[in-house]
PDB file of all heavy atoms in Angstrom:
ATOM      1  N   PHE A   1     180.248 145.424 -45.982  1.00  0.00           N
ATOM      2  CA  PHE A   1     180.299 145.284 -44.525  1.00  0.00           C
ATOM      3  C   PHE A   1     179.758 143.920 -44.106  1.00  0.00           C
ATOM      4  O   PHE A   1     180.326 143.245 -43.244  1.00  0.00           O
ATOM      5  CB  PHE A   1     179.489 146.404 -43.868  1.00  0.00           C
ATOM      6  CG  PHE A   1     179.560 146.396 -42.365  1.00  0.00           C
ATOM      7  CD1 PHE A   1     180.715 146.771 -41.705  1.00  0.00           C
ATOM      8  CD2 PHE A   1     178.457 146.005 -41.607  1.00  0.00           C
ATOM      9  CE1 PHE A   1     180.788 146.763 -40.310  1.00  0.00           C
ATOM     10  CE2 PHE A   1     178.505 146.002 -40.221  1.00  0.00           C
ATOM     11  CZ  PHE A   1     179.679 146.377 -39.576  1.00  0.00           C
ATOM     12  N   GLY A   2     178.657 143.499 -44.745  1.00  0.00           N
ATOM     13  CA  GLY A   2     178.070 142.212 -44.411  1.00  0.00           C
ATOM     14  C   GLY A   2     178.956 141.044 -44.782  1.00  0.00           C
ATOM     15  O   GLY A   2     179.061 140.060 -44.035  1.00  0.00           O
ATOM     16  N   ILE A   3     179.622 141.135 -45.940  1.00  0.00           N
ATOM     17  CA  ILE A   3     180.533 140.068 -46.367  1.00  0.00           C
ATOM     18  C   ILE A   3     181.703 139.958 -45.406  1.00  0.00           C
ATOM     19  O   ILE A   3     182.100 138.857 -45.002  1.00  0.00           O
ATOM     20  CB  ILE A   3     181.008 140.320 -47.812  1.00  0.00           C
ATOM     21  CG1 ILE A   3     179.893 139.984 -48.799  1.00  0.00           C
ATOM     22  CG2 ILE A   3     182.258 139.500 -48.127  1.00  0.00           C
ATOM     23  CD1 ILE A   3     180.221 140.308 -50.234  1.00  0.00           C
ATOM     24  N   ASP A   4     182.263 141.090 -45.003  1.00  0.00           N
ATOM     25  CA  ASP A   4     183.382 141.057 -44.054  1.00  0.00           C
ATOM     26  C   ASP A   4     182.946 140.539 -42.692  1.00  0.00           C
ATOM     27  O   ASP A   4     183.745 139.967 -41.948  1.00  0.00           O
ATOM     28  CB  ASP A   4     183.991 142.456 -43.905  1.00  0.00           C
ATOM     29  CG  ASP A   4     184.996 142.768 -45.008  1.00  0.00           C
ATOM     30  OD1 ASP A   4     185.627 141.822 -45.505  1.00  0.00           O
ATOM     31  OD2 ASP A   4     185.145 143.944 -45.376  1.00  0.00           O
ATOM     32  N   LEU A   5     181.679 140.738 -42.351  1.00  0.00           N
ATOM     33  CA  LEU A   5     181.157 140.220 -41.085  1.00  0.00           C
ATOM     34  C   LEU A   5     180.953 138.711 -41.161  1.00  0.00           C
ATOM     35  O   LEU A   5     181.239 137.992 -40.200  1.00  0.00           O
ATOM     36  CB  LEU A   5     179.825 140.910 -40.749  1.00  0.00           C
ATOM     37  CG  LEU A   5     179.127 140.454 -39.455  1.00  0.00           C
ATOM     38  CD1 LEU A   5     179.976 140.814 -38.240  1.00  0.00           C
ATOM     39  CD2 LEU A   5     177.742 141.087 -39.341  1.00  0.00           C
ATOM     40  N   ALA A   6     180.485 138.222 -42.310  1.00  0.00           N
ATOM     41  CA  ALA A   6     180.105 136.813 -42.423  1.00  0.00           C
ATOM     42  C   ALA A   6     181.263 135.882 -42.766  1.00  0.00           C
ATOM     43  O   ALA A   6     181.242 134.711 -42.387  1.00  0.00           O
ATOM     44  CB  ALA A   6     179.009 136.669 -43.488  1.00  0.00           C
ATOM     45  N   LEU A   7     182.278 136.392 -43.481  1.00  0.00           N
ATOM     46  CA  LEU A   7     183.359 135.524 -43.945  1.00  0.00           C
ATOM     47  C   LEU A   7     184.536 135.542 -42.975  1.00  0.00           C
ATOM     48  O   LEU A   7     184.908 136.594 -42.453  1.00  0.00           O
ATOM     49  CB  LEU A   7     183.811 135.950 -45.343  1.00  0.00           C
ATOM     50  CG  LEU A   7     182.715 135.952 -46.414  1.00  0.00           C
ATOM     51  CD1 LEU A   7     183.312 136.219 -47.786  1.00  0.00           C
ATOM     52  CD2 LEU A   7     181.938 134.652 -46.418  1.00  0.00           C
ATOM     53  N   GLY A   8     185.120 134.378 -42.770  1.00  0.00           N
ATOM     54  CA  GLY A   8     186.141 134.236 -41.737  1.00  0.00           C
ATOM     55  C   GLY A   8     187.569 134.420 -42.212  1.00  0.00           C
ATOM     56  O   GLY A   8     187.837 134.825 -43.352  1.00  0.00           O
ATOM     57  N   SER A   9     188.491 134.077 -41.327  1.00  0.00           N
ATOM     58  CA  SER A   9     189.912 134.293 -41.589  1.00  0.00           C
ATOM     59  C   SER A   9     190.448 133.391 -42.687  1.00  0.00           C
ATOM     60  O   SER A   9     191.531 133.643 -43.222  1.00  0.00           O
ATOM     61  CB  SER A   9     190.715 134.067 -40.304  1.00  0.00           C
ATOM     62  OG  SER A   9     190.554 132.738 -39.836  1.00  0.00           O
ATOM     63  N   VAL A  10     189.695 132.347 -43.048  1.00  0.00           N
ATOM     64  CA  VAL A  10     190.169 131.424 -44.083  1.00  0.00           C
ATOM     65  C   VAL A  10     190.319 132.116 -45.436  1.00  0.00           C
ATOM     66  O   VAL A  10     191.070 131.629 -46.300  1.00  0.00           O
ATOM     67  CB  VAL A  10     189.213 130.217 -44.223  1.00  0.00           C
ATOM     68  CG1 VAL A  10     189.241 129.363 -42.982  1.00  0.00           C
ATOM     69  CG2 VAL A  10     187.789 130.681 -44.531  1.00  0.00           C
ATOM     70  N   ILE A  11     189.636 133.237 -45.652  1.00  0.00           N
ATOM     71  CA  ILE A  11     189.753 133.924 -46.947  1.00  0.00           C
ATOM     72  C   ILE A  11     190.856 134.986 -46.933  1.00  0.00           C
ATOM     73  O   ILE A  11     191.014 135.720 -47.905  1.00  0.00           O
ATOM     74  CB  ILE A  11     188.417 134.556 -47.382  1.00  0.00           C
ATOM     75  CG1 ILE A  11     188.060 135.757 -46.514  1.00  0.00           C
ATOM     76  CG2 ILE A  11     187.305 133.541 -47.386  1.00  0.00           C
ATOM     77  CD1 ILE A  11     186.935 136.594 -47.088  1.00  0.00           C
ATOM     78  N   ASP A  12     191.613 135.052 -45.849  1.00  0.00           N
ATOM     79  CA  ASP A  12     192.700 136.022 -45.781  1.00  0.00           C
ATOM     80  C   ASP A  12     194.049 135.417 -46.147  1.00  0.00           C
ATOM     81  O   ASP A  12     195.088 136.040 -45.947  1.00  0.00           O
ATOM     82  CB  ASP A  12     192.759 136.654 -44.384  1.00  0.00           C
ATOM     83  CG  ASP A  12     191.638 137.641 -44.159  1.00  0.00           C
ATOM     84  OD1 ASP A  12     191.522 138.596 -44.942  1.00  0.00           O
ATOM     85  OD2 ASP A  12     190.845 137.449 -43.219  1.00  0.00           O
ATOM     86  N   ARG A  13     194.030 134.221 -46.697  1.00  0.00           N
ATOM     87  CA  ARG A  13     195.275 133.663 -47.242  1.00  0.00           C
ATOM     88  C   ARG A  13     195.397 134.070 -48.712  1.00  0.00           C
ATOM     89  O   ARG A  13     194.400 134.357 -49.384  1.00  0.00           O
ATOM     90  CB  ARG A  13     195.308 132.149 -47.104  1.00  0.00           C
ATOM     91  CG  ARG A  13     194.378 131.388 -48.024  1.00  0.00           C
ATOM     92  CD  ARG A  13     194.699 129.901 -47.976  1.00  0.00           C
ATOM     93  NE  ARG A  13     193.774 129.084 -48.760  1.00  0.00           N
ATOM     94  CZ  ARG A  13     193.899 128.868 -50.061  1.00  0.00           C
ATOM     95  NH1 ARG A  13     194.892 129.430 -50.740  1.00  0.00           N
ATOM     96  NH2 ARG A  13     193.036 128.096 -50.696  1.00  0.00           N
ATOM     97  N   GLU A  14     196.631 134.100 -49.186  1.00  0.00           N
ATOM     98  CA  GLU A  14     196.873 134.465 -50.579  1.00  0.00           C
ATOM     99  C   GLU A  14     196.346 133.378 -51.502  1.00  0.00           C
ATOM    100  O   GLU A  14     196.622 132.197 -51.316  1.00  0.00           O
ATOM    101  CB  GLU A  14     198.368 134.658 -50.804  1.00  0.00           C
ATOM    102  CG  GLU A  14     198.727 135.177 -52.176  1.00  0.00           C
ATOM    103  CD  GLU A  14     200.227 135.380 -52.329  1.00  0.00           C
ATOM    104  OE1 GLU A  14     200.727 136.461 -51.960  1.00  0.00           O
ATOM    105  OE2 GLU A  14     200.904 134.434 -52.794  1.00  0.00           O
ATOM    106  N   ALA A  15     195.566 133.767 -52.480  1.00  0.00           N
ATOM    107  CA  ALA A  15     195.040 132.815 -53.461  1.00  0.00           C
ATOM    108  C   ALA A  15     196.130 132.472 -54.467  1.00  0.00           C
ATOM    109  O   ALA A  15     196.907 133.340 -54.877  1.00  0.00           O
ATOM    110  CB  ALA A  15     193.831 133.406 -54.173  1.00  0.00           C
ATOM    111  N   SER A  16     196.193 131.211 -54.856  1.00  0.00           N
ATOM    112  CA  SER A  16     197.134 130.818 -55.901  1.00  0.00           C
ATOM    113  C   SER A  16     196.671 131.422 -57.229  1.00  0.00           C
ATOM    114  O   SER A  16     195.512 131.832 -57.365  1.00  0.00           O
ATOM    115  CB  SER A  16     197.181 129.292 -56.014  1.00  0.00           C
ATOM    116  OG  SER A  16     195.952 128.804 -56.543  1.00  0.00           O
ATOM    117  N   PRO A  17     197.558 131.500 -58.235  1.00  0.00           N
ATOM    118  CA  PRO A  17     197.126 132.035 -59.533  1.00  0.00           C
ATOM    119  C   PRO A  17     195.886 131.328 -60.075  1.00  0.00           C
ATOM    120  O   PRO A  17     194.980 131.964 -60.608  1.00  0.00           O
ATOM    121  CB  PRO A  17     198.351 131.821 -60.426  1.00  0.00           C
ATOM    122  CG  PRO A  17     199.508 131.881 -59.489  1.00  0.00           C
ATOM    123  CD  PRO A  17     199.018 131.227 -58.228  1.00  0.00           C
ATOM    124  N   TYR A  18     195.852 130.001 -59.928  1.00  0.00           N
ATOM    125  CA  TYR A  18     194.688 129.253 -60.416  1.00  0.00           C
ATOM    126  C   TYR A  18     193.435 129.613 -59.620  1.00  0.00           C
ATOM    127  O   TYR A  18     192.326 129.700 -60.183  1.00  0.00           O
ATOM    128  CB  TYR A  18     194.948 127.758 -60.324  1.00  0.00           C
ATOM    129  CG  TYR A  18     193.883 126.902 -60.983  1.00  0.00           C
ATOM    130  CD1 TYR A  18     193.900 126.658 -62.355  1.00  0.00           C
ATOM    131  CD2 TYR A  18     192.853 126.341 -60.233  1.00  0.00           C
ATOM    132  CE1 TYR A  18     192.924 125.883 -62.964  1.00  0.00           C
ATOM    133  CE2 TYR A  18     191.871 125.565 -60.831  1.00  0.00           C
ATOM    134  CZ  TYR A  18     191.910 125.345 -62.194  1.00  0.00           C
ATOM    135  OH  TYR A  18     190.935 124.580 -62.786  1.00  0.00           O
ATOM    136  N   GLU A  19     193.586 129.826 -58.313  1.00  0.00           N
ATOM    137  CA  GLU A  19     192.428 130.153 -57.468  1.00  0.00           C
ATOM    138  C   GLU A  19     191.867 131.539 -57.759  1.00  0.00           C
ATOM    139  O   GLU A  19     190.714 131.813 -57.409  1.00  0.00           O
ATOM    140  CB  GLU A  19     192.802 130.021 -55.989  1.00  0.00           C
ATOM    141  CG  GLU A  19     192.982 128.583 -55.539  1.00  0.00           C
ATOM    142  CD  GLU A  19     193.532 128.469 -54.132  1.00  0.00           C
ATOM    143  OE1 GLU A  19     194.245 129.394 -53.673  1.00  0.00           O
ATOM    144  OE2 GLU A  19     193.263 127.445 -53.479  1.00  0.00           O
ATOM    145  N   HIS A  20     192.661 132.410 -58.399  1.00  0.00           N
ATOM    146  CA  HIS A  20     192.125 133.714 -58.816  1.00  0.00           C
ATOM    147  C   HIS A  20     190.983 133.541 -59.808  1.00  0.00           C
ATOM    148  O   HIS A  20     190.181 134.470 -60.002  1.00  0.00           O
ATOM    149  CB  HIS A  20     193.234 134.562 -59.468  1.00  0.00           C
ATOM    150  CG  HIS A  20     194.151 135.239 -58.488  1.00  0.00           C
ATOM    151  ND1 HIS A  20     194.903 134.553 -57.578  1.00  0.00           N
ATOM    152  CD2 HIS A  20     194.421 136.561 -58.285  1.00  0.00           C
ATOM    153  CE1 HIS A  20     195.621 135.397 -56.858  1.00  0.00           C
ATOM    154  NE2 HIS A  20     195.340 136.627 -57.256  1.00  0.00           N
ATOM    155  N   LEU A  21     190.886 132.376 -60.413  1.00  0.00           N
ATOM    156  CA  LEU A  21     189.900 132.155 -61.468  1.00  0.00           C
ATOM    157  C   LEU A  21     188.490 131.931 -60.926  1.00  0.00           C
ATOM    158  O   LEU A  21     187.586 131.605 -61.684  1.00  0.00           O
ATOM    159  CB  LEU A  21     190.316 130.971 -62.337  1.00  0.00           C
ATOM    160  CG  LEU A  21     191.682 131.081 -63.018  1.00  0.00           C
ATOM    161  CD1 LEU A  21     191.944 129.886 -63.911  1.00  0.00           C
ATOM    162  CD2 LEU A  21     191.800 132.373 -63.821  1.00  0.00           C
ATOM    163  N   PHE A  22     188.277 132.143 -59.625  1.00  0.00           N
ATOM    164  CA  PHE A  22     186.900 132.097 -59.127  1.00  0.00           C
ATOM    165  C   PHE A  22     186.140 133.360 -59.507  1.00  0.00           C
ATOM    166  O   PHE A  22     184.909 133.406 -59.400  1.00  0.00           O
ATOM    167  CB  PHE A  22     186.870 131.861 -57.602  1.00  0.00           C
ATOM    168  CG  PHE A  22     187.045 133.103 -56.762  1.00  0.00           C
ATOM    169  CD1 PHE A  22     185.938 133.801 -56.313  1.00  0.00           C
ATOM    170  CD2 PHE A  22     188.300 133.550 -56.400  1.00  0.00           C
ATOM    171  CE1 PHE A  22     186.077 134.935 -55.515  1.00  0.00           C
ATOM    172  CE2 PHE A  22     188.459 134.680 -55.616  1.00  0.00           C
ATOM    173  CZ  PHE A  22     187.341 135.381 -55.169  1.00  0.00           C
ATOM    174  N   LEU A  23     186.863 134.379 -59.991  1.00  0.00           N
ATOM    175  CA  LEU A  23     186.215 135.595 -60.479  1.00  0.00           C
ATOM    176  C   LEU A  23     186.183 135.576 -62.003  1.00  0.00           C
ATOM    177  O   LEU A  23     187.219 135.371 -62.645  1.00  0.00           O
ATOM    178  CB  LEU A  23     186.961 136.841 -59.993  1.00  0.00           C
ATOM    179  CG  LEU A  23     186.857 137.172 -58.505  1.00  0.00           C
ATOM    180  CD1 LEU A  23     187.691 138.403 -58.180  1.00  0.00           C
ATOM    181  CD2 LEU A  23     185.409 137.402 -58.085  1.00  0.00           C
ATOM    182  N   PRO A  24     185.022 135.799 -62.602  1.00  0.00           N
ATOM    183  CA  PRO A  24     184.909 135.761 -64.071  1.00  0.00           C
ATOM    184  C   PRO A  24     185.892 136.676 -64.801  1.00  0.00           C
ATOM    185  O   PRO A  24     186.412 136.307 -65.850  1.00  0.00           O
ATOM    186  CB  PRO A  24     183.458 136.188 -64.314  1.00  0.00           C
ATOM    187  CG  PRO A  24     182.733 135.725 -63.092  1.00  0.00           C
ATOM    188  CD  PRO A  24     183.693 135.949 -61.964  1.00  0.00           C
ATOM    189  N   ILE A  25     186.167 137.850 -64.244  1.00  0.00           N
ATOM    190  CA  ILE A  25     187.066 138.781 -64.935  1.00  0.00           C
ATOM    191  C   ILE A  25     188.477 138.205 -65.006  1.00  0.00           C
ATOM    192  O   ILE A  25     189.221 138.467 -65.971  1.00  0.00           O
ATOM    193  CB  ILE A  25     187.067 140.171 -64.251  1.00  0.00           C
ATOM    194  CG1 ILE A  25     187.757 141.199 -65.140  1.00  0.00           C
ATOM    195  CG2 ILE A  25     187.675 140.099 -62.876  1.00  0.00           C
ATOM    196  CD1 ILE A  25     187.085 141.446 -66.460  1.00  0.00           C
ATOM    197  N   TYR A  26     188.867 137.393 -64.036  1.00  0.00           N
ATOM    198  CA  TYR A  26     190.189 136.764 -64.066  1.00  0.00           C
ATOM    199  C   TYR A  26     190.220 135.612 -65.068  1.00  0.00           C
ATOM    200  O   TYR A  26     191.260 135.348 -65.690  1.00  0.00           O
ATOM    201  CB  TYR A  26     190.592 136.287 -62.667  1.00  0.00           C
ATOM    202  CG  TYR A  26     191.271 137.367 -61.853  1.00  0.00           C
ATOM    203  CD1 TYR A  26     190.523 138.280 -61.112  1.00  0.00           C
ATOM    204  CD2 TYR A  26     192.656 137.500 -61.852  1.00  0.00           C
ATOM    205  CE1 TYR A  26     191.136 139.292 -60.383  1.00  0.00           C
ATOM    206  CE2 TYR A  26     193.284 138.501 -61.122  1.00  0.00           C
ATOM    207  CZ  TYR A  26     192.522 139.393 -60.390  1.00  0.00           C
ATOM    208  OH  TYR A  26     193.131 140.400 -59.670  1.00  0.00           O
ATOM    209  N   VAL A  27     189.100 134.910 -65.232  1.00  0.00           N
ATOM    210  CA  VAL A  27     189.027 133.884 -66.274  1.00  0.00           C
ATOM    211  C   VAL A  27     189.172 134.548 -67.641  1.00  0.00           C
ATOM    212  O   VAL A  27     189.910 134.072 -68.515  1.00  0.00           O
ATOM    213  CB  VAL A  27     187.693 133.115 -66.190  1.00  0.00           C
ATOM    214  CG1 VAL A  27     187.591 132.094 -67.326  1.00  0.00           C
ATOM    215  CG2 VAL A  27     187.564 132.403 -64.847  1.00  0.00           C
ATOM    216  N   TYR A  28     188.480 135.665 -67.818  1.00  0.00           N
ATOM    217  CA  TYR A  28     188.540 136.415 -69.073  1.00  0.00           C
ATOM    218  C   TYR A  28     189.979 136.842 -69.380  1.00  0.00           C
ATOM    219  O   TYR A  28     190.477 136.642 -70.496  1.00  0.00           O
ATOM    220  CB  TYR A  28     187.630 137.637 -68.953  1.00  0.00           C
ATOM    221  CG  TYR A  28     187.832 138.693 -70.009  1.00  0.00           C
ATOM    222  CD1 TYR A  28     187.339 138.525 -71.300  1.00  0.00           C
ATOM    223  CD2 TYR A  28     188.508 139.874 -69.701  1.00  0.00           C
ATOM    224  CE1 TYR A  28     187.528 139.503 -72.274  1.00  0.00           C
ATOM    225  CE2 TYR A  28     188.702 140.852 -70.657  1.00  0.00           C
ATOM    226  CZ  TYR A  28     188.214 140.666 -71.945  1.00  0.00           C
ATOM    227  OH  TYR A  28     188.408 141.636 -72.894  1.00  0.00           O
ATOM    228  N   GLU A  29     190.671 137.409 -68.409  1.00  0.00           N
ATOM    229  CA  GLU A  29     192.049 137.861 -68.621  1.00  0.00           C
ATOM    230  C   GLU A  29     192.989 136.680 -68.825  1.00  0.00           C
ATOM    231  O   GLU A  29     193.923 136.744 -69.621  1.00  0.00           O
ATOM    232  CB  GLU A  29     192.511 138.714 -67.434  1.00  0.00           C
ATOM    233  CG  GLU A  29     191.805 140.063 -67.309  1.00  0.00           C
ATOM    234  CD  GLU A  29     192.125 141.009 -68.462  1.00  0.00           C
ATOM    235  OE1 GLU A  29     193.161 140.798 -69.146  1.00  0.00           O
ATOM    236  OE2 GLU A  29     191.347 141.950 -68.686  1.00  0.00           O
ATOM    237  N   GLN A  30     192.725 135.592 -68.073  1.00  0.00           N
ATOM    238  CA  GLN A  30     193.614 134.432 -68.173  1.00  0.00           C
ATOM    239  C   GLN A  30     193.547 133.788 -69.553  1.00  0.00           C
ATOM    240  O   GLN A  30     194.563 133.293 -70.079  1.00  0.00           O
ATOM    241  CB  GLN A  30     193.242 133.402 -67.104  1.00  0.00           C
ATOM    242  CG  GLN A  30     194.153 132.183 -67.071  1.00  0.00           C
ATOM    243  CD  GLN A  30     195.605 132.558 -66.845  1.00  0.00           C
ATOM    244  OE1 GLN A  30     195.939 133.163 -65.821  1.00  0.00           O
ATOM    245  NE2 GLN A  30     196.483 132.239 -67.786  1.00  0.00           N
ATOM    246  N   MET A  31     192.370 133.790 -70.185  1.00  0.00           N
ATOM    247  CA  MET A  31     192.240 133.175 -71.503  1.00  0.00           C
ATOM    248  C   MET A  31     193.111 133.885 -72.544  1.00  0.00           C
ATOM    249  O   MET A  31     193.529 133.268 -73.532  1.00  0.00           O
ATOM    250  CB  MET A  31     190.781 133.172 -71.944  1.00  0.00           C
ATOM    251  CG  MET A  31     189.888 132.255 -71.119  1.00  0.00           C
ATOM    252  SD  MET A  31     190.422 130.528 -71.099  1.00  0.00           S
ATOM    253  CE  MET A  31     189.995 130.030 -72.760  1.00  0.00           C
ATOM    254  N   LYS A  32     193.402 135.146 -72.324  1.00  0.00           N
ATOM    255  CA  LYS A  32     194.290 135.878 -73.231  1.00  0.00           C
ATOM    256  C   LYS A  32     195.721 135.379 -73.118  1.00  0.00           C
ATOM    257  O   LYS A  32     196.547 135.636 -74.001  1.00  0.00           O
ATOM    258  CB  LYS A  32     194.261 137.377 -72.920  1.00  0.00           C
ATOM    259  CG  LYS A  32     192.906 138.044 -73.077  1.00  0.00           C
ATOM    260  CD  LYS A  32     193.010 139.516 -72.683  1.00  0.00           C
ATOM    261  CE  LYS A  32     191.687 140.225 -72.724  1.00  0.00           C
ATOM    262  NZ  LYS A  32     191.790 141.647 -72.318  1.00  0.00           N
TER     263      LYS A  32
END
């Protein structure tokens, strides 16, 4: 709830495949 309150509309755009790599689990999957 706090994150949705604090973060703005700029994070509601679709992330590019490369931008998904800000999450460690996506880096892990991408290395495969």
